[in-house]
Amino acid sequence: MTPKNRTLLVLALTALLLPLATAPHAAARPPRYAWPLAPPHPVLRAFQGPSTPFGAGHRGVDLGSTPDTPVLAAADATVVFAGTVGPRQLVSLAHQGGLRTTYEPVKPLVTRGQRVARGAPIGALQPGHEGCRTTCLHWGALRTTPHGGREYLDPLTLLATAHVRLLPLVHPTPSPAYTPPPRAGT
């Protein structure tokens, strides 16, 4: 890449990203997703994604709380399921971008097809989640892939906000004894 092309690339990227980095509301913007329980919400068991689609793992996080605690929608969504699966009750929400979050064991306060806003109560936490010694909420997240597959995500990663930070482009000046490393394929 020539120095002129590199400069044009940097200028183009700066023009695209600078409004995001300098917007007055950018620093105060809340994350798109919120905790599904009011604080405190200790993580009793962390996410452990499966190594294969049907492999063992813990496809969510377990958050400690007390029975009948309100369970909140992590983000704006449509309820795709609210009811019983086997011995447990759960709620599943569809969000933009093909993301789905699940909450169990929860006594649903919502119905299928209902739109919910971030932070709206969707159910009441019930005791009985397998693997928890105390009452806990199992919160899961998955994204559907273009070919109909599922990618399980750590729901705690949904809580982070992205901050764009531009750094100066530094051109190191090689010393006369400097030899650049060989390029791949040469």
C-alpha atoms as a PDB file:
ATOM      1  CA  MET A   1       0.000   0.000   0.000  1.00  0.00           C
ATOM      2  CA  THR A   2       1.453   3.338  -0.984  1.00  0.00           C
ATOM      3  CA  PRO A   3       1.762   6.147   1.585  1.00  0.00           C
ATOM      4  CA  LYS A   4      -0.871   8.132  -0.340  1.00  0.00           C
ATOM      5  CA  ASN A   5      -3.346   5.202  -0.284  1.00  0.00           C
ATOM      6  CA  ARG A   6      -2.638   4.610   3.406  1.00  0.00           C
ATOM      7  CA  THR A   7      -3.375   8.266   4.161  1.00  0.00           C
ATOM      8  CA  LEU A   8      -6.627   8.110   2.172  1.00  0.00           C
ATOM      9  CA  LEU A   9      -7.656   4.961   4.046  1.00  0.00           C
ATOM     10  CA  VAL A  10      -6.962   6.594   7.414  1.00  0.00           C
ATOM     11  CA  LEU A  11      -8.923   9.699   6.413  1.00  0.00           C
ATOM     12  CA  ALA A  12     -11.868   7.609   5.212  1.00  0.00           C
ATOM     13  CA  LEU A  13     -11.946   5.553   8.425  1.00  0.00           C
ATOM     14  CA  THR A  14     -11.660   8.702  10.511  1.00  0.00           C
ATOM     15  CA  ALA A  15     -14.576  10.288   8.657  1.00  0.00           C
ATOM     16  CA  LEU A  16     -16.689   7.205   9.342  1.00  0.00           C
ATOM     17  CA  LEU A  17     -15.744   6.707  12.994  1.00  0.00           C
ATOM     18  CA  LEU A  18     -15.203  10.232  14.300  1.00  0.00           C
ATOM     19  CA  PRO A  19     -18.916  11.085  14.590  1.00  0.00           C
ATOM     20  CA  LEU A  20     -19.376   7.969  16.735  1.00  0.00           C
ATOM     21  CA  ALA A  21     -16.412   8.794  18.960  1.00  0.00           C
ATOM     22  CA  THR A  22     -17.245  12.458  19.450  1.00  0.00           C
ATOM     23  CA  ALA A  23     -21.031  12.400  19.666  1.00  0.00           C
ATOM     24  CA  PRO A  24     -22.065  14.172  22.879  1.00  0.00           C
ATOM     25  CA  HIS A  25     -24.377  11.329  23.856  1.00  0.00           C
ATOM     26  CA  ALA A  26     -21.907   8.516  23.028  1.00  0.00           C
ATOM     27  CA  ALA A  27     -20.298   8.405  26.471  1.00  0.00           C
ATOM     28  CA  ALA A  28     -23.656   8.446  28.251  1.00  0.00           C
ATOM     29  CA  ARG A  29     -25.374   5.935  25.951  1.00  0.00           C
ATOM     30  CA  PRO A  30     -26.452   2.867  27.944  1.00  0.00           C
ATOM     31  CA  PRO A  31     -25.689  -0.599  26.614  1.00  0.00           C
ATOM     32  CA  ARG A  32     -28.339  -2.156  24.376  1.00  0.00           C
ATOM     33  CA  TYR A  33     -28.882  -4.970  26.855  1.00  0.00           C
ATOM     34  CA  ALA A  34     -29.431  -4.771  30.597  1.00  0.00           C
ATOM     35  CA  TRP A  35     -29.259  -7.209  33.494  1.00  0.00           C
ATOM     36  CA  PRO A  36     -32.401  -9.361  33.736  1.00  0.00           C
ATOM     37  CA  LEU A  37     -32.455  -8.965  37.536  1.00  0.00           C
ATOM     38  CA  ALA A  38     -32.185  -5.923  39.787  1.00  0.00           C
ATOM     39  CA  PRO A  39     -28.885  -5.718  41.720  1.00  0.00           C
ATOM     40  CA  PRO A  40     -27.290  -7.545  43.269  1.00  0.00           C
ATOM     41  CA  HIS A  41     -27.027 -10.272  40.673  1.00  0.00           C
ATOM     42  CA  PRO A  42     -24.127 -12.550  41.600  1.00  0.00           C
ATOM     43  CA  VAL A  43     -22.998 -14.931  38.879  1.00  0.00           C
ATOM     44  CA  LEU A  44     -23.249 -18.373  40.488  1.00  0.00           C
ATOM     45  CA  ARG A  45     -22.184 -20.275  37.380  1.00  0.00           C
ATOM     46  CA  ALA A  46     -20.473 -18.822  34.321  1.00  0.00           C
ATOM     47  CA  PHE A  47     -21.090 -19.524  30.638  1.00  0.00           C
ATOM     48  CA  GLN A  48     -19.229 -22.497  29.203  1.00  0.00           C
ATOM     49  CA  GLY A  49     -19.934 -22.856  25.518  1.00  0.00           C
ATOM     50  CA  PRO A  50     -20.056 -26.314  23.980  1.00  0.00           C
ATOM     51  CA  SER A  51     -17.072 -27.405  21.898  1.00  0.00           C
ATOM     52  CA  THR A  52     -19.448 -28.950  19.351  1.00  0.00           C
ATOM     53  CA  PRO A  53     -23.085 -28.085  18.548  1.00  0.00           C
ATOM     54  CA  PHE A  54     -24.388 -30.995  20.634  1.00  0.00           C
ATOM     55  CA  GLY A  55     -21.495 -31.152  23.115  1.00  0.00           C
ATOM     56  CA  ALA A  56     -21.526 -30.610  26.844  1.00  0.00           C
ATOM     57  CA  GLY A  57     -21.449 -27.086  28.223  1.00  0.00           C
ATOM     58  CA  HIS A  58     -23.369 -24.503  30.180  1.00  0.00           C
ATOM     59  CA  ARG A  59     -25.216 -22.449  27.575  1.00  0.00           C
ATOM     60  CA  GLY A  60     -25.913 -19.441  29.764  1.00  0.00           C
ATOM     61  CA  VAL A  61     -25.170 -17.966  33.172  1.00  0.00           C
ATOM     62  CA  ASP A  62     -26.838 -18.597  36.506  1.00  0.00           C
ATOM     63  CA  LEU A  63     -27.619 -15.425  38.470  1.00  0.00           C
ATOM     64  CA  GLY A  64     -28.454 -15.718  42.158  1.00  0.00           C
ATOM     65  CA  SER A  65     -31.567 -14.096  43.609  1.00  0.00           C
ATOM     66  CA  THR A  66     -34.643 -14.862  45.704  1.00  0.00           C
ATOM     67  CA  PRO A  67     -37.972 -16.478  44.778  1.00  0.00           C
ATOM     68  CA  ASP A  68     -40.564 -14.220  43.135  1.00  0.00           C
ATOM     69  CA  THR A  69     -37.951 -11.614  42.146  1.00  0.00           C
ATOM     70  CA  PRO A  70     -39.118  -9.832  38.975  1.00  0.00           C
ATOM     71  CA  VAL A  71     -37.282 -11.031  35.875  1.00  0.00           C
ATOM     72  CA  LEU A  72     -36.765  -8.221  33.361  1.00  0.00           C
ATOM     73  CA  ALA A  73     -36.411  -8.175  29.580  1.00  0.00           C
ATOM     74  CA  ALA A  74     -32.747  -7.599  28.791  1.00  0.00           C
ATOM     75  CA  ALA A  75     -33.669  -5.546  25.692  1.00  0.00           C
ATOM     76  CA  ASP A  76     -36.626  -4.627  23.491  1.00  0.00           C
ATOM     77  CA  ALA A  77     -38.055  -7.836  22.051  1.00  0.00           C
ATOM     78  CA  THR A  78     -41.007  -9.985  21.063  1.00  0.00           C
ATOM     79  CA  VAL A  79     -42.008 -12.893  23.281  1.00  0.00           C
ATOM     80  CA  VAL A  80     -41.591 -16.099  21.240  1.00  0.00           C
ATOM     81  CA  PHE A  81     -42.349 -18.520  24.079  1.00  0.00           C
ATOM     82  CA  ALA A  82     -43.803 -18.237  27.573  1.00  0.00           C
ATOM     83  CA  GLY A  83     -44.801 -21.478  29.192  1.00  0.00           C
ATOM     84  CA  THR A  84     -43.748 -24.915  30.328  1.00  0.00           C
ATOM     85  CA  VAL A  85     -41.084 -27.157  28.829  1.00  0.00           C
ATOM     86  CA  GLY A  86     -40.896 -30.444  30.702  1.00  0.00           C
ATOM     87  CA  PRO A  87     -40.857 -29.684  34.423  1.00  0.00           C
ATOM     88  CA  ARG A  88     -39.883 -26.003  34.159  1.00  0.00           C
ATOM     89  CA  GLN A  89     -41.398 -22.717  33.064  1.00  0.00           C
ATOM     90  CA  LEU A  90     -39.462 -20.304  30.892  1.00  0.00           C
ATOM     91  CA  VAL A  91     -39.681 -17.213  28.725  1.00  0.00           C
ATOM     92  CA  SER A  92     -37.858 -16.771  25.410  1.00  0.00           C
ATOM     93  CA  LEU A  93     -37.486 -13.380  23.705  1.00  0.00           C
ATOM     94  CA  ALA A  94     -36.519 -12.582  20.095  1.00  0.00           C
ATOM     95  CA  HIS A  95     -34.412  -9.453  19.645  1.00  0.00           C
ATOM     96  CA  GLN A  96     -33.192  -7.633  16.543  1.00  0.00           C
ATOM     97  CA  GLY A  97     -30.382  -9.235  14.603  1.00  0.00           C
ATOM     98  CA  GLY A  98     -31.446 -12.849  15.127  1.00  0.00           C
ATOM     99  CA  LEU A  99     -30.597 -12.884  18.840  1.00  0.00           C
ATOM    100  CA  ARG A 100     -32.765 -14.804  21.296  1.00  0.00           C
ATOM    101  CA  THR A 101     -32.543 -14.696  25.091  1.00  0.00           C
ATOM    102  CA  THR A 102     -34.065 -17.240  27.478  1.00  0.00           C
ATOM    103  CA  TYR A 103     -34.959 -16.957  31.145  1.00  0.00           C
ATOM    104  CA  GLU A 104     -35.712 -19.925  33.429  1.00  0.00           C
ATOM    105  CA  PRO A 105     -37.246 -20.989  35.795  1.00  0.00           C
ATOM    106  CA  VAL A 106     -39.702 -18.132  35.475  1.00  0.00           C
ATOM    107  CA  LYS A 107     -43.440 -17.899  36.069  1.00  0.00           C
ATOM    108  CA  PRO A 108     -44.390 -15.933  32.915  1.00  0.00           C
ATOM    109  CA  LEU A 109     -46.179 -12.583  33.111  1.00  0.00           C
ATOM    110  CA  VAL A 110     -46.164 -12.245  29.303  1.00  0.00           C
ATOM    111  CA  THR A 111     -47.683 -14.117  26.383  1.00  0.00           C
ATOM    112  CA  ARG A 112     -46.429 -15.271  22.996  1.00  0.00           C
ATOM    113  CA  GLY A 113     -46.358 -12.465  20.419  1.00  0.00           C
ATOM    114  CA  GLN A 114     -46.315  -9.677  23.011  1.00  0.00           C
ATOM    115  CA  ARG A 115     -43.819  -6.836  22.505  1.00  0.00           C
ATOM    116  CA  VAL A 116     -41.751  -5.976  25.579  1.00  0.00           C
ATOM    117  CA  ALA A 117     -39.419  -3.083  26.291  1.00  0.00           C
ATOM    118  CA  ARG A 118     -35.996  -3.312  27.858  1.00  0.00           C
ATOM    119  CA  GLY A 119     -36.423  -3.525  31.643  1.00  0.00           C
ATOM    120  CA  ALA A 120     -40.089  -4.601  31.518  1.00  0.00           C
ATOM    121  CA  PRO A 121     -41.066  -7.429  33.881  1.00  0.00           C
ATOM    122  CA  ILE A 122     -41.540 -10.673  31.940  1.00  0.00           C
ATOM    123  CA  GLY A 123     -41.947 -13.069  34.852  1.00  0.00           C
ATOM    124  CA  ALA A 124     -41.266 -13.965  38.464  1.00  0.00           C
ATOM    125  CA  LEU A 125     -38.222 -16.054  39.377  1.00  0.00           C
ATOM    126  CA  GLN A 126     -39.041 -19.526  40.675  1.00  0.00           C
ATOM    127  CA  PRO A 127     -36.806 -21.898  42.659  1.00  0.00           C
ATOM    128  CA  GLY A 128     -35.704 -25.199  41.201  1.00  0.00           C
ATOM    129  CA  HIS A 129     -33.065 -24.592  38.529  1.00  0.00           C
ATOM    130  CA  GLU A 130     -30.926 -27.713  38.361  1.00  0.00           C
ATOM    131  CA  GLY A 131     -27.397 -27.098  39.558  1.00  0.00           C
ATOM    132  CA  CYS A 132     -28.191 -24.145  41.828  1.00  0.00           C
ATOM    133  CA  ARG A 133     -28.203 -24.638  45.598  1.00  0.00           C
ATOM    134  CA  THR A 134     -30.213 -21.441  45.993  1.00  0.00           C
ATOM    135  CA  THR A 135     -32.791 -19.786  43.759  1.00  0.00           C
ATOM    136  CA  CYS A 136     -31.142 -18.640  40.556  1.00  0.00           C
ATOM    137  CA  LEU A 137     -32.059 -17.433  37.085  1.00  0.00           C
ATOM    138  CA  HIS A 138     -30.559 -19.277  34.133  1.00  0.00           C
ATOM    139  CA  TRP A 139     -30.091 -16.586  31.466  1.00  0.00           C
ATOM    140  CA  GLY A 140     -29.122 -17.786  28.008  1.00  0.00           C
ATOM    141  CA  ALA A 141     -28.452 -16.151  24.646  1.00  0.00           C
ATOM    142  CA  LEU A 142     -28.133 -17.564  21.174  1.00  0.00           C
ATOM    143  CA  ARG A 143     -27.894 -16.210  17.679  1.00  0.00           C
ATOM    144  CA  THR A 144     -29.306 -18.034  14.682  1.00  0.00           C
ATOM    145  CA  THR A 145     -26.871 -18.418  11.799  1.00  0.00           C
ATOM    146  CA  PRO A 146     -27.761 -17.796   8.142  1.00  0.00           C
ATOM    147  CA  HIS A 147     -27.887 -21.565   7.515  1.00  0.00           C
ATOM    148  CA  GLY A 148     -30.291 -22.311  10.366  1.00  0.00           C
ATOM    149  CA  GLY A 149     -27.679 -23.215  12.964  1.00  0.00           C
ATOM    150  CA  ARG A 150     -27.337 -21.851  16.486  1.00  0.00           C
ATOM    151  CA  GLU A 151     -24.430 -20.043  18.075  1.00  0.00           C
ATOM    152  CA  TYR A 152     -24.624 -19.894  21.864  1.00  0.00           C
ATOM    153  CA  LEU A 153     -23.294 -16.664  23.376  1.00  0.00           C
ATOM    154  CA  ASP A 154     -22.209 -15.621  26.837  1.00  0.00           C
ATOM    155  CA  PRO A 155     -25.094 -13.305  27.781  1.00  0.00           C
ATOM    156  CA  LEU A 156     -22.773 -11.226  29.984  1.00  0.00           C
ATOM    157  CA  THR A 157     -21.041  -9.997  26.804  1.00  0.00           C
ATOM    158  CA  LEU A 158     -24.335  -8.347  25.801  1.00  0.00           C
ATOM    159  CA  LEU A 159     -23.991  -5.943  28.734  1.00  0.00           C
ATOM    160  CA  ALA A 160     -20.865  -4.161  27.474  1.00  0.00           C
ATOM    161  CA  THR A 161     -20.917  -0.873  25.617  1.00  0.00           C
ATOM    162  CA  ALA A 162     -18.575  -0.332  22.722  1.00  0.00           C
ATOM    163  CA  HIS A 163     -16.363   2.720  22.872  1.00  0.00           C
ATOM    164  CA  VAL A 164     -14.664   3.853  19.692  1.00  0.00           C
ATOM    165  CA  ARG A 165     -11.265   5.380  20.285  1.00  0.00           C
ATOM    166  CA  LEU A 166      -9.111   6.646  17.453  1.00  0.00           C
ATOM    167  CA  LEU A 167      -5.361   6.351  17.884  1.00  0.00           C
ATOM    168  CA  PRO A 168      -2.732   8.236  15.899  1.00  0.00           C
ATOM    169  CA  LEU A 169      -1.194   6.400  12.983  1.00  0.00           C
ATOM    170  CA  VAL A 170       2.491   6.002  13.740  1.00  0.00           C
ATOM    171  CA  HIS A 171       5.020   5.379  10.991  1.00  0.00           C
ATOM    172  CA  PRO A 172       8.165   3.935  12.534  1.00  0.00           C
ATOM    173  CA  THR A 173      11.347   5.226  10.991  1.00  0.00           C
ATOM    174  CA  PRO A 174      13.580   2.221  10.442  1.00  0.00           C
ATOM    175  CA  SER A 175      17.188   2.521  11.468  1.00  0.00           C
ATOM    176  CA  PRO A 176      19.821   1.874   8.770  1.00  0.00           C
ATOM    177  CA  ALA A 177      20.418  -1.604  10.271  1.00  0.00           C
ATOM    178  CA  TYR A 178      16.711  -2.459  10.307  1.00  0.00           C
ATOM    179  CA  THR A 179      15.608  -5.291   8.045  1.00  0.00           C
ATOM    180  CA  PRO A 180      11.849  -5.776   7.781  1.00  0.00           C
ATOM    181  CA  PRO A 181      10.575  -9.327   8.313  1.00  0.00           C
ATOM    182  CA  PRO A 182       9.727 -11.271   5.157  1.00  0.00           C
ATOM    183  CA  ARG A 183       6.136 -11.086   3.984  1.00  0.00           C
ATOM    184  CA  ALA A 184       4.006 -14.209   3.968  1.00  0.00           C
ATOM    185  CA  GLY A 185       4.141 -15.965   0.610  1.00  0.00           C
ATOM    186  CA  THR A 186       7.467 -14.447  -0.480  1.00  0.00           C
END
